[in-house]
All heavy atoms as atom14 arrays in JSON, in Angstrom:
{
  "sequence": "LKPSITFSKSGILQKNANGTKSLVLWDGHRYSNDDG",
  "atom14_mask": [
    [1, 1, 1, 1, 1, 1, 1, 1, 0, 0, 0, 0, 0, 0],
    [1, 1, 1, 1, 1, 1, 1, 1, 1, 0, 0, 0, 0, 0],
    [1, 1, 1, 1, 1, 1, 1, 0, 0, 0, 0, 0, 0, 0],
    [1, 1, 1, 1, 1, 1, 0, 0, 0, 0, 0, 0, 0, 0],
    [1, 1, 1, 1, 1, 1, 1, 1, 0, 0, 0, 0, 0, 0],
    [1, 1, 1, 1, 1, 1, 1, 0, 0, 0, 0, 0, 0, 0],
    [1, 1, 1, 1, 1, 1, 1, 1, 1, 1, 1, 0, 0, 0],
    [1, 1, 1, 1, 1, 1, 0, 0, 0, 0, 0, 0, 0, 0],
    [1, 1, 1, 1, 1, 1, 1, 1, 1, 0, 0, 0, 0, 0],
    [1, 1, 1, 1, 1, 1, 0, 0, 0, 0, 0, 0, 0, 0],
    [1, 1, 1, 1, 0, 0, 0, 0, 0, 0, 0, 0, 0, 0],
    [1, 1, 1, 1, 1, 1, 1, 1, 0, 0, 0, 0, 0, 0],
    [1, 1, 1, 1, 1, 1, 1, 1, 0, 0, 0, 0, 0, 0],
    [1, 1, 1, 1, 1, 1, 1, 1, 1, 0, 0, 0, 0, 0],
    [1, 1, 1, 1, 1, 1, 1, 1, 1, 0, 0, 0, 0, 0],
    [1, 1, 1, 1, 1, 1, 1, 1, 0, 0, 0, 0, 0, 0],
    [1, 1, 1, 1, 1, 0, 0, 0, 0, 0, 0, 0, 0, 0],
    [1, 1, 1, 1, 1, 1, 1, 1, 0, 0, 0, 0, 0, 0],
    [1, 1, 1, 1, 0, 0, 0, 0, 0, 0, 0, 0, 0, 0],
    [1, 1, 1, 1, 1, 1, 1, 0, 0, 0, 0, 0, 0, 0],
    [1, 1, 1, 1, 1, 1, 1, 1, 1, 0, 0, 0, 0, 0],
    [1, 1, 1, 1, 1, 1, 0, 0, 0, 0, 0, 0, 0, 0],
    [1, 1, 1, 1, 1, 1, 1, 1, 0, 0, 0, 0, 0, 0],
    [1, 1, 1, 1, 1, 1, 1, 0, 0, 0, 0, 0, 0, 0],
    [1, 1, 1, 1, 1, 1, 1, 1, 0, 0, 0, 0, 0, 0],
    [1, 1, 1, 1, 1, 1, 1, 1, 1, 1, 1, 1, 1, 1],
    [1, 1, 1, 1, 1, 1, 1, 1, 0, 0, 0, 0, 0, 0],
    [1, 1, 1, 1, 0, 0, 0, 0, 0, 0, 0, 0, 0, 0],
    [1, 1, 1, 1, 1, 1, 1, 1, 1, 1, 0, 0, 0, 0],
    [1, 1, 1, 1, 1, 1, 1, 1, 1, 1, 1, 0, 0, 0],
    [1, 1, 1, 1, 1, 1, 1, 1, 1, 1, 1, 1, 0, 0],
    [1, 1, 1, 1, 1, 1, 0, 0, 0, 0, 0, 0, 0, 0],
    [1, 1, 1, 1, 1, 1, 1, 1, 0, 0, 0, 0, 0, 0],
    [1, 1, 1, 1, 1, 1, 1, 1, 0, 0, 0, 0, 0, 0],
    [1, 1, 1, 1, 1, 1, 1, 1, 0, 0, 0, 0, 0, 0],
    [1, 1, 1, 1, 0, 0, 0, 0, 0, 0, 0, 0, 0, 0]
  ],
  "atom14_positions": [
    [[-11.09, -9.13, 25.66], [-10.76, -9.94, 24.49], [-10.35, -11.34, 24.9], [-9.84, -11.57, 25.99], [-9.61, -9.26, 23.71], [-9.9, -7.9, 23.08], [-8.64, -7.39, 22.37], [-11.06, -7.98, 22.11], [0.0, 0.0, 0.0], [0.0, 0.0, 0.0], [0.0, 0.0, 0.0], [0.0, 0.0, 0.0], [0.0, 0.0, 0.0], [0.0, 0.0, 0.0]],
    [[-10.59, -12.3, 23.99], [-10.22, -13.68, 24.24], [-8.7, -13.84, 24.17], [-8.03, -13.14, 23.41], [-10.89, -14.6, 23.22], [-12.42, -14.52, 23.24], [-12.97, -14.87, 24.61], [-14.49, -14.79, 24.61], [-15.05, -15.09, 25.95], [0.0, 0.0, 0.0], [0.0, 0.0, 0.0], [0.0, 0.0, 0.0], [0.0, 0.0, 0.0], [0.0, 0.0, 0.0]],
    [[-8.14, -14.74, 24.98], [-6.68, -14.92, 24.98], [-6.2, -15.56, 23.68], [-6.93, -16.31, 23.02], [-6.44, -15.82, 26.18], [-7.72, -16.57, 26.36], [-8.81, -15.62, 25.95], [0.0, 0.0, 0.0], [0.0, 0.0, 0.0], [0.0, 0.0, 0.0], [0.0, 0.0, 0.0], [0.0, 0.0, 0.0], [0.0, 0.0, 0.0], [0.0, 0.0, 0.0]],
    [[-4.96, -15.29, 23.33], [-4.36, -15.9, 22.14], [-2.86, -15.95, 22.33], [-2.28, -15.17, 23.1], [-4.71, -15.1, 20.88], [-4.11, -13.82, 20.91], [0.0, 0.0, 0.0], [0.0, 0.0, 0.0], [0.0, 0.0, 0.0], [0.0, 0.0, 0.0], [0.0, 0.0, 0.0], [0.0, 0.0, 0.0], [0.0, 0.0, 0.0], [0.0, 0.0, 0.0]],
    [[-2.23, -16.9, 21.62], [-0.77, -17.07, 21.63], [-0.3, -17.15, 20.18], [-0.89, -17.87, 19.37], [-0.35, -18.34, 22.4], [-0.78, -18.22, 23.87], [1.16, -18.54, 22.31], [-0.51, -19.48, 24.67], [0.0, 0.0, 0.0], [0.0, 0.0, 0.0], [0.0, 0.0, 0.0], [0.0, 0.0, 0.0], [0.0, 0.0, 0.0], [0.0, 0.0, 0.0]],
    [[0.75, -16.41, 19.87], [1.26, -16.37, 18.5], [2.74, -16.7, 18.49], [3.51, -16.11, 19.28], [1.03, -14.98, 17.86], [-0.35, -14.64, 17.93], [1.49, -14.97, 16.42], [0.0, 0.0, 0.0], [0.0, 0.0, 0.0], [0.0, 0.0, 0.0], [0.0, 0.0, 0.0], [0.0, 0.0, 0.0], [0.0, 0.0, 0.0], [0.0, 0.0, 0.0]],
    [[3.14, -17.66, 17.64], [4.55, -17.98, 17.41], [4.91, -17.58, 15.98], [4.11, -17.73, 15.06], [4.8, -19.49, 17.58], [4.55, -20.0, 18.97], [3.32, -20.55, 19.31], [5.55, -19.94, 19.92], [3.08, -21.03, 20.58], [5.3, -20.42, 21.2], [4.07, -20.96, 21.54], [0.0, 0.0, 0.0], [0.0, 0.0, 0.0], [0.0, 0.0, 0.0]],
    [[6.14, -17.12, 15.81], [6.61, -16.78, 14.48], [8.12, -16.94, 14.41], [8.83, -16.62, 15.38], [6.23, -15.33, 14.12], [6.74, -14.96, 12.87], [0.0, 0.0, 0.0], [0.0, 0.0, 0.0], [0.0, 0.0, 0.0], [0.0, 0.0, 0.0], [0.0, 0.0, 0.0], [0.0, 0.0, 0.0], [0.0, 0.0, 0.0], [0.0, 0.0, 0.0]],
    [[8.61, -17.43, 13.26], [10.06, -17.6, 13.1], [10.77, -16.27, 12.91], [11.9, -16.09, 13.36], [10.34, -18.51, 11.9], [9.9, -19.95, 12.09], [10.26, -20.79, 10.87], [9.85, -22.24, 11.07], [10.19, -23.06, 9.87], [0.0, 0.0, 0.0], [0.0, 0.0, 0.0], [0.0, 0.0, 0.0], [0.0, 0.0, 0.0], [0.0, 0.0, 0.0]],
    [[10.14, -15.32, 12.23], [10.78, -14.04, 11.96], [9.73, -12.95, 11.83], [8.54, -13.23, 11.65], [11.64, -14.11, 10.69], [10.82, -14.4, 9.56], [0.0, 0.0, 0.0], [0.0, 0.0, 0.0], [0.0, 0.0, 0.0], [0.0, 0.0, 0.0], [0.0, 0.0, 0.0], [0.0, 0.0, 0.0], [0.0, 0.0, 0.0], [0.0, 0.0, 0.0]],
    [[10.19, -11.72, 11.92], [9.29, -10.58, 11.8], [10.07, -9.3, 11.62], [11.31, -9.27, 11.75], [0.0, 0.0, 0.0], [0.0, 0.0, 0.0], [0.0, 0.0, 0.0], [0.0, 0.0, 0.0], [0.0, 0.0, 0.0], [0.0, 0.0, 0.0], [0.0, 0.0, 0.0], [0.0, 0.0, 0.0], [0.0, 0.0, 0.0], [0.0, 0.0, 0.0]],
    [[9.36, -8.25, 11.33], [10.0, -6.95, 11.14], [9.07, -5.85, 11.65], [7.84, -5.97, 11.56], [10.34, -6.72, 9.64], [11.17, -5.44, 9.49], [9.09, -6.66, 8.79], [11.72, -5.26, 8.1], [0.0, 0.0, 0.0], [0.0, 0.0, 0.0], [0.0, 0.0, 0.0], [0.0, 0.0, 0.0], [0.0, 0.0, 0.0], [0.0, 0.0, 0.0]],
    [[9.68, -4.81, 12.22], [8.91, -3.66, 12.68], [8.65, -2.75, 11.49], [9.57, -2.34, 10.79], [9.66, -2.9, 13.77], [9.87, -3.65, 15.08], [10.73, -2.84, 16.03], [8.54, -3.98, 15.73], [0.0, 0.0, 0.0], [0.0, 0.0, 0.0], [0.0, 0.0, 0.0], [0.0, 0.0, 0.0], [0.0, 0.0, 0.0], [0.0, 0.0, 0.0]],
    [[7.4, -2.4, 11.28], [7.01, -1.59, 10.12], [6.36, -0.3, 10.59], [5.46, -0.32, 11.44], [6.03, -2.38, 9.25], [5.51, -1.62, 8.05], [4.61, -2.51, 7.2], [5.07, -3.33, 6.43], [3.3, -2.35, 7.37], [0.0, 0.0, 0.0], [0.0, 0.0, 0.0], [0.0, 0.0, 0.0], [0.0, 0.0, 0.0], [0.0, 0.0, 0.0]],
    [[6.82, 0.83, 10.05], [6.26, 2.13, 10.42], [5.05, 2.44, 9.56], [5.09, 2.34, 8.34], [7.32, 3.23, 10.26], [6.89, 4.57, 10.84], [8.03, 5.57, 10.84], [7.61, 6.86, 11.51], [8.73, 7.84, 11.54], [0.0, 0.0, 0.0], [0.0, 0.0, 0.0], [0.0, 0.0, 0.0], [0.0, 0.0, 0.0], [0.0, 0.0, 0.0]],
    [[3.95, 2.84, 10.21], [2.72, 3.15, 9.5], [2.68, 4.62, 9.1], [3.48, 5.43, 9.54], [1.5, 2.8, 10.37], [1.51, 1.34, 10.79], [1.86, 0.47, 9.99], [1.14, 1.08, 12.03], [0.0, 0.0, 0.0], [0.0, 0.0, 0.0], [0.0, 0.0, 0.0], [0.0, 0.0, 0.0], [0.0, 0.0, 0.0], [0.0, 0.0, 0.0]],
    [[1.7, 4.95, 8.28], [1.58, 6.32, 7.78], [1.25, 7.31, 8.9], [1.64, 8.48, 8.83], [0.5, 6.38, 6.69], [0.0, 0.0, 0.0], [0.0, 0.0, 0.0], [0.0, 0.0, 0.0], [0.0, 0.0, 0.0], [0.0, 0.0, 0.0], [0.0, 0.0, 0.0], [0.0, 0.0, 0.0], [0.0, 0.0, 0.0], [0.0, 0.0, 0.0]],
    [[0.56, 6.86, 9.95], [0.19, 7.75, 11.05], [1.26, 7.87, 12.12], [1.05, 8.47, 13.16], [-1.11, 7.28, 11.69], [-1.0, 5.87, 12.26], [0.04, 5.21, 12.14], [-2.08, 5.4, 12.86], [0.0, 0.0, 0.0], [0.0, 0.0, 0.0], [0.0, 0.0, 0.0], [0.0, 0.0, 0.0], [0.0, 0.0, 0.0], [0.0, 0.0, 0.0]],
    [[2.45, 7.28, 11.86], [3.56, 7.4, 12.81], [3.66, 6.26, 13.79], [4.67, 6.13, 14.48], [0.0, 0.0, 0.0], [0.0, 0.0, 0.0], [0.0, 0.0, 0.0], [0.0, 0.0, 0.0], [0.0, 0.0, 0.0], [0.0, 0.0, 0.0], [0.0, 0.0, 0.0], [0.0, 0.0, 0.0], [0.0, 0.0, 0.0], [0.0, 0.0, 0.0]],
    [[2.63, 5.4, 13.87], [2.68, 4.24, 14.77], [3.46, 3.11, 14.09], [3.83, 3.2, 12.92], [1.27, 3.77, 15.12], [0.6, 3.36, 13.92], [0.48, 4.91, 15.78], [0.0, 0.0, 0.0], [0.0, 0.0, 0.0], [0.0, 0.0, 0.0], [0.0, 0.0, 0.0], [0.0, 0.0, 0.0], [0.0, 0.0, 0.0], [0.0, 0.0, 0.0]],
    [[3.69, 2.02, 14.84], [4.43, 0.88, 14.29], [3.61, -0.39, 14.5], [2.91, -0.55, 15.5], [5.79, 0.74, 14.96], [6.78, 1.81, 14.52], [8.18, 1.51, 15.03], [9.17, 2.53, 14.5], [10.56, 2.24, 14.92], [0.0, 0.0, 0.0], [0.0, 0.0, 0.0], [0.0, 0.0, 0.0], [0.0, 0.0, 0.0], [0.0, 0.0, 0.0]],
    [[3.75, -1.28, 13.54], [3.11, -2.58, 13.62], [4.17, -3.65, 13.42], [5.27, -3.38, 12.91], [2.0, -2.71, 12.58], [2.5, -2.47, 11.27], [0.0, 0.0, 0.0], [0.0, 0.0, 0.0], [0.0, 0.0, 0.0], [0.0, 0.0, 0.0], [0.0, 0.0, 0.0], [0.0, 0.0, 0.0], [0.0, 0.0, 0.0], [0.0, 0.0, 0.0]],
    [[3.84, -4.88, 13.8], [4.77, -6.0, 13.71], [4.31, -6.96, 12.62], [3.22, -7.52, 12.69], [4.84, -6.71, 15.06], [5.87, -7.83, 15.22], [7.27, -7.32, 14.95], [5.79, -8.4, 16.63], [0.0, 0.0, 0.0], [0.0, 0.0, 0.0], [0.0, 0.0, 0.0], [0.0, 0.0, 0.0], [0.0, 0.0, 0.0], [0.0, 0.0, 0.0]],
    [[5.13, -7.09, 11.57], [4.82, -8.01, 10.47], [5.52, -9.34, 10.73], [6.75, -9.39, 10.87], [5.27, -7.43, 9.12], [4.93, -8.39, 7.98], [4.62, -6.07, 8.88], [0.0, 0.0, 0.0], [0.0, 0.0, 0.0], [0.0, 0.0, 0.0], [0.0, 0.0, 0.0], [0.0, 0.0, 0.0], [0.0, 0.0, 0.0], [0.0, 0.0, 0.0]],
    [[4.73, -10.43, 10.82], [5.26, -11.75, 11.16], [5.21, -12.68, 9.94], [4.3, -12.58, 9.1], [4.44, -12.36, 12.3], [4.29, -11.53, 13.57], [3.36, -12.22, 14.54], [5.64, -11.27, 14.2], [0.0, 0.0, 0.0], [0.0, 0.0, 0.0], [0.0, 0.0, 0.0], [0.0, 0.0, 0.0], [0.0, 0.0, 0.0], [0.0, 0.0, 0.0]],
    [[6.19, -13.59, 9.86], [6.24, -14.58, 8.79], [6.39, -15.98, 9.37], [7.08, -16.16, 10.4], [7.41, -14.32, 7.84], [7.22, -13.11, 6.97], [6.34, -12.95, 5.94], [7.94, -11.88, 7.06], [6.46, -11.71, 5.39], [7.45, -11.02, 6.04], [8.96, -11.4, 7.89], [7.91, -9.74, 5.84], [9.43, -10.12, 7.69], [8.91, -9.31, 6.67]],
    [[5.75, -16.95, 8.72], [5.91, -18.38, 9.03], [5.65, -18.66, 10.51], [6.58, -18.83, 11.31], [7.32, -18.86, 8.66], [7.57, -18.71, 7.17], [6.62, -18.91, 6.39], [8.72, -18.37, 6.81], [0.0, 0.0, 0.0], [0.0, 0.0, 0.0], [0.0, 0.0, 0.0], [0.0, 0.0, 0.0], [0.0, 0.0, 0.0], [0.0, 0.0, 0.0]],
    [[4.4, -18.7, 10.88], [4.08, -18.92, 12.28], [2.72, -19.53, 12.5], [2.0, -19.9, 11.56], [0.0, 0.0, 0.0], [0.0, 0.0, 0.0], [0.0, 0.0, 0.0], [0.0, 0.0, 0.0], [0.0, 0.0, 0.0], [0.0, 0.0, 0.0], [0.0, 0.0, 0.0], [0.0, 0.0, 0.0], [0.0, 0.0, 0.0], [0.0, 0.0, 0.0]],
    [[2.35, -19.66, 13.76], [1.06, -20.21, 14.18], [0.43, -19.26, 15.19], [1.13, -18.65, 16.01], [1.23, -21.59, 14.83], [1.72, -22.64, 13.88], [0.88, -23.54, 13.25], [2.98, -22.95, 13.44], [1.59, -24.34, 12.49], [2.87, -24.0, 12.59], [0.0, 0.0, 0.0], [0.0, 0.0, 0.0], [0.0, 0.0, 0.0], [0.0, 0.0, 0.0]],
    [[-0.91, -19.18, 15.12], [-1.65, -18.4, 16.1], [-2.72, -19.27, 16.73], [-3.56, -19.84, 16.02], [-2.3, -17.17, 15.46], [-3.02, -16.25, 16.46], [-3.55, -15.01, 15.76], [-4.08, -14.06, 16.72], [-5.36, -14.0, 17.13], [-6.23, -14.89, 16.64], [-5.75, -13.1, 18.0], [0.0, 0.0, 0.0], [0.0, 0.0, 0.0], [0.0, 0.0, 0.0]],
    [[-2.66, -19.43, 18.03], [-3.61, -20.24, 18.78], [-4.57, -19.3, 19.51], [-4.13, -18.49, 20.35], [-2.89, -21.15, 19.77], [-1.89, -22.09, 19.12], [-0.54, -21.72, 19.01], [-2.28, -23.31, 18.61], [0.38, -22.56, 18.41], [-1.36, -24.17, 18.01], [-0.04, -23.78, 17.92], [0.88, -24.62, 17.31], [0.0, 0.0, 0.0], [0.0, 0.0, 0.0]],
    [[-5.85, -19.41, 19.21], [-6.83, -18.5, 19.79], [-8.05, -19.27, 20.27], [-8.36, -20.35, 19.78], [-7.27, -17.44, 18.78], [-7.86, -18.04, 17.63], [0.0, 0.0, 0.0], [0.0, 0.0, 0.0], [0.0, 0.0, 0.0], [0.0, 0.0, 0.0], [0.0, 0.0, 0.0], [0.0, 0.0, 0.0], [0.0, 0.0, 0.0], [0.0, 0.0, 0.0]],
    [[-8.74, -18.67, 21.21], [-9.95, -19.26, 21.78], [-11.06, -18.22, 21.64], [-11.28, -17.4, 22.52], [-9.71, -19.62, 23.24], [-10.93, -20.27, 23.88], [-11.95, -20.45, 23.23], [-10.81, -20.61, 25.14], [0.0, 0.0, 0.0], [0.0, 0.0, 0.0], [0.0, 0.0, 0.0], [0.0, 0.0, 0.0], [0.0, 0.0, 0.0], [0.0, 0.0, 0.0]],
    [[-11.74, -18.24, 20.5], [-12.71, -17.19, 20.2], [-14.11, -17.49, 20.72], [-14.9, -16.57, 20.93], [-12.79, -16.98, 18.67], [-11.45, -16.52, 18.11], [-10.73, -15.8, 18.84], [-11.13, -16.87, 16.96], [0.0, 0.0, 0.0], [0.0, 0.0, 0.0], [0.0, 0.0, 0.0], [0.0, 0.0, 0.0], [0.0, 0.0, 0.0], [0.0, 0.0, 0.0]],
    [[-14.45, -18.77, 20.92], [-15.82, -19.11, 21.32], [-15.95, -19.45, 22.8], [-17.04, -19.8, 23.27], [-16.34, -20.29, 20.49], [-15.41, -21.51, 20.59], [-14.42, -21.43, 21.35], [-15.68, -22.5, 19.89], [0.0, 0.0, 0.0], [0.0, 0.0, 0.0], [0.0, 0.0, 0.0], [0.0, 0.0, 0.0], [0.0, 0.0, 0.0], [0.0, 0.0, 0.0]],
    [[-14.85, -19.32, 23.55], [-14.91, -19.57, 24.99], [-14.83, -21.02, 25.39], [-14.91, -21.35, 26.58], [0.0, 0.0, 0.0], [0.0, 0.0, 0.0], [0.0, 0.0, 0.0], [0.0, 0.0, 0.0], [0.0, 0.0, 0.0], [0.0, 0.0, 0.0], [0.0, 0.0, 0.0], [0.0, 0.0, 0.0], [0.0, 0.0, 0.0], [0.0, 0.0, 0.0]]
  ]
}
């Protein structure tokens, strides 16, 4: 996968229906390099 950097001021851990957890982020920037 292509590298990426994500900044966020705040976030919360959220439990999914299958028992796993995801990270919900608010107010941020994501820098990605998708085309190389």
